[in-house]
Protein backbone atom coordinates (compact mmCIF):
# COMPACT_ATOMS: atom_id res chain seq x y z
CA MET A 1 225.84 191.61 73.03
CA LYS A 2 223.83 188.98 74.85
CA ARG A 3 221.99 191.70 76.78
CA GLN A 4 221.10 193.49 73.56
CA MET A 5 219.69 190.30 72.06
CA ILE A 6 217.59 189.67 75.16
CA ALA A 7 216.35 193.26 75.06
CA VAL A 8 215.39 192.96 71.39
CA ILE A 9 213.64 189.63 71.94
CA THR A 10 211.79 191.01 74.97
CA ALA A 11 210.69 194.11 73.06
CA ALA A 12 209.49 192.01 70.14
CA THR A 13 207.56 189.70 72.45
CA VAL A 14 205.86 192.61 74.21
CA THR A 15 205.02 194.28 70.91
CA LEU A 16 203.58 191.14 69.35
CA GLY A 17 201.71 190.30 72.52
CA ALA A 18 200.09 193.73 72.54
CA ALA A 19 199.04 193.41 68.88
CA ALA A 20 197.38 190.01 69.30
CA PRO A 21 194.06 191.35 70.68
CA ALA A 22 193.79 193.82 67.79
CA VAL A 23 194.38 191.08 65.25
CA HIS A 24 191.79 188.90 66.95
CA ALA A 25 189.26 191.77 66.91
CA MET A 26 189.83 192.38 63.20
CA GLU A 27 189.38 188.69 62.48
CA MET A 28 186.13 188.67 64.43
CA GLU A 29 184.87 191.73 62.52
CA PHE A 30 185.75 190.10 59.19
CA ASN A 31 183.88 186.96 60.24
CA MET A 32 180.84 188.99 61.31
CA LEU A 33 180.82 190.91 58.02
CA THR A 34 181.20 187.69 56.03
CA GLY A 35 178.36 186.12 58.03
CA ALA A 36 176.07 189.07 57.34
CA VAL A 37 176.88 188.96 53.62
CA TYR A 38 176.41 185.18 53.62
CA ASN A 39 172.93 185.52 55.16
CA ALA A 40 171.95 188.27 52.72
CA LEU A 41 173.16 186.22 49.76
CA GLN A 42 171.27 183.16 50.99
CA ALA A 43 168.11 185.26 51.28
CA GLN A 44 168.59 186.42 47.67
CA GLY A 45 169.08 182.85 46.44
CA PHE A 46 172.80 183.05 45.58
CA ASP A 47 175.13 180.06 45.77
CA THR A 48 177.37 180.77 48.76
CA SER A 49 179.55 177.67 48.64
CA ASN A 50 182.68 179.72 47.78
CA ILE A 51 182.17 182.57 50.25
CA HIS A 52 185.02 181.37 52.48
CA SER A 53 187.53 182.10 49.71
CA LEU A 54 186.50 185.73 49.14
CA THR A 55 188.80 188.58 50.10
CA LEU A 56 187.77 191.46 52.33
CA ASN A 57 187.56 193.68 49.26
CA GLU A 58 185.19 191.25 47.51
CA ILE A 59 183.02 190.92 50.62
CA VAL A 60 182.78 194.73 50.86
CA GLN A 61 181.90 194.98 47.14
CA ILE A 62 179.13 192.42 47.54
CA ARG A 63 177.80 194.15 50.66
CA SER A 64 177.71 197.46 48.80
CA ILE A 65 175.77 195.90 45.93
CA LEU A 66 173.34 194.18 48.31
CA GLU A 67 172.61 197.47 50.05
CA SER A 68 171.77 199.21 46.77
CA ASP A 69 168.84 198.67 44.46
CA MET A 70 170.10 195.61 42.60
CA ASP A 71 169.50 195.24 38.91
CA THR A 72 170.41 192.32 36.66
CA SER A 73 173.96 193.53 35.97
CA GLN A 74 174.66 193.91 39.69
CA ARG A 75 173.34 190.40 40.38
CA GLN A 76 175.66 189.15 37.64
CA LYS A 77 178.61 190.96 39.24
CA ILE A 78 177.87 189.18 42.54
CA ARG A 79 177.70 185.85 40.73
CA LEU A 80 181.06 186.53 39.07
CA LEU A 81 182.66 187.43 42.42
CA LEU A 82 181.31 184.27 43.99
CA GLU A 83 182.38 182.04 41.09
CA ASP A 84 185.78 183.66 40.52
CA ASP A 85 187.52 181.84 43.35
């Protein structure tokens, strides 16, 4: 029984250790995407004080809007996303 527990703990440690670099890479990509959106919003004159509380989905939505031809309703949607949190 003790051997089985050690085997399970060892397997879990190896698995989690192997996943750590992938998690770190995803976190770095999220930070880079957020930084790019932050810079674009600043250039457009948006208040970015709440950007740290946005989800990945909200960041992607804002990026999509910024890359399109923005009209007034799209600018309002960005404002609502930024103020929602």
